[in-house]
Amino acid sequence: MSVKKSPEELKNMFEKYAAKEGDPDQLSKEELKLLIQTEFPSLLKGPSTLDDLFQELDKNGDGEVSFEEFQVLVKKISQ
């Protein structure tokens, strides 16, 4: 799967979903799930996949995914 989006498009996508609840600069697990289901539907294969992905992305363990942490996902799926 390739992600053909500019850094600005990715930032706008991130902010659109992050603004849905809580901190507008962080994605909660639900926001991340919604973003992936909508923008990258082939990425989720099963319910445990999201939990694994969230844990992998949430490097600092704060229960949310920052834009920097989100960029790790984008790099991973665009290879």
Protein backbone atom coordinates (compact mmCIF):
# COMPACT_ATOMS: atom_id res chain seq x y z
CA MET A 1 0.00 0.00 0.00
CA SER A 2 1.37 3.40 -0.79
CA VAL A 3 0.40 6.67 0.79
CA LYS A 4 0.66 9.45 -1.75
CA LYS A 5 0.03 12.46 0.41
CA SER A 6 2.14 15.54 1.02
CA PRO A 7 3.35 16.29 4.56
CA GLU A 8 0.77 19.09 4.69
CA GLU A 9 -2.05 16.72 3.66
CA LEU A 10 -0.96 14.23 6.33
CA LYS A 11 -0.88 16.96 8.99
CA ASN A 12 -4.36 18.13 7.97
CA MET A 13 -5.67 14.55 8.07
CA PHE A 14 -4.14 14.02 11.52
CA GLU A 15 -5.62 17.28 12.85
CA LYS A 16 -9.07 16.49 11.44
CA TYR A 17 -9.29 13.27 13.45
CA ALA A 18 -7.37 14.50 16.52
CA ALA A 19 -9.83 17.38 16.97
CA LYS A 20 -12.78 15.02 17.46
CA GLU A 21 -12.23 14.59 21.22
CA GLY A 22 -9.77 15.55 23.93
CA ASP A 23 -6.39 16.99 22.99
CA PRO A 24 -6.44 18.40 19.43
CA ASP A 25 -2.72 17.56 19.05
CA GLN A 26 -3.10 13.88 19.98
CA LEU A 27 -5.03 10.92 18.59
CA SER A 28 -6.87 8.75 21.09
CA LYS A 29 -7.23 5.06 20.27
CA GLU A 30 -10.77 5.71 18.97
CA GLU A 31 -9.60 8.62 16.81
CA LEU A 32 -6.75 6.53 15.41
CA LYS A 33 -9.19 3.70 14.67
CA LEU A 34 -11.54 6.07 12.84
CA LEU A 35 -8.66 7.60 10.85
CA ILE A 36 -7.35 4.18 9.80
CA GLN A 37 -10.81 2.78 8.98
CA THR A 38 -11.58 5.82 6.84
CA GLU A 39 -8.23 6.65 5.23
CA PHE A 40 -6.37 3.29 5.25
CA PRO A 41 -9.09 0.58 5.49
CA SER A 42 -6.86 -2.26 4.28
CA LEU A 43 -4.55 -1.69 7.25
CA LEU A 44 -6.91 -3.19 9.84
CA LYS A 45 -7.23 -6.95 9.52
CA GLY A 46 -8.68 -7.76 12.96
CA PRO A 47 -9.51 -6.22 16.33
CA SER A 48 -6.14 -7.07 17.88
CA THR A 49 -4.35 -5.32 15.03
CA LEU A 50 -5.46 -1.88 16.22
CA ASP A 51 -4.34 -2.57 19.79
CA ASP A 52 -0.95 -3.80 18.58
CA LEU A 53 -0.58 -0.86 16.23
CA PHE A 54 -1.60 1.63 18.92
CA GLN A 55 0.92 0.21 21.40
CA GLU A 56 3.63 0.30 18.75
CA LEU A 57 2.89 3.93 17.85
CA ASP A 58 2.40 5.22 21.42
CA LYS A 59 6.15 5.32 22.13
CA ASN A 60 5.89 7.45 25.28
CA GLY A 61 3.02 5.39 26.72
CA ASP A 62 0.71 8.34 27.35
CA GLY A 63 -2.30 6.60 25.81
CA GLU A 64 -2.39 8.92 22.81
CA VAL A 65 -0.57 9.18 19.48
CA SER A 66 1.16 12.45 18.60
CA PHE A 67 1.73 13.61 15.02
CA GLU A 68 5.37 12.52 15.30
CA GLU A 69 4.26 9.05 16.41
CA PHE A 70 1.66 8.99 13.60
CA GLN A 71 4.40 9.71 11.05
CA VAL A 72 6.00 6.37 12.01
CA LEU A 73 2.83 4.64 10.78
CA VAL A 74 2.80 6.64 7.56
CA LYS A 75 6.44 5.77 6.83
CA LYS A 76 5.75 2.11 7.59
CA ILE A 77 2.75 1.82 5.24
CA SER A 78 4.29 3.87 2.45
CA GLN A 79 7.27 1.54 1.97
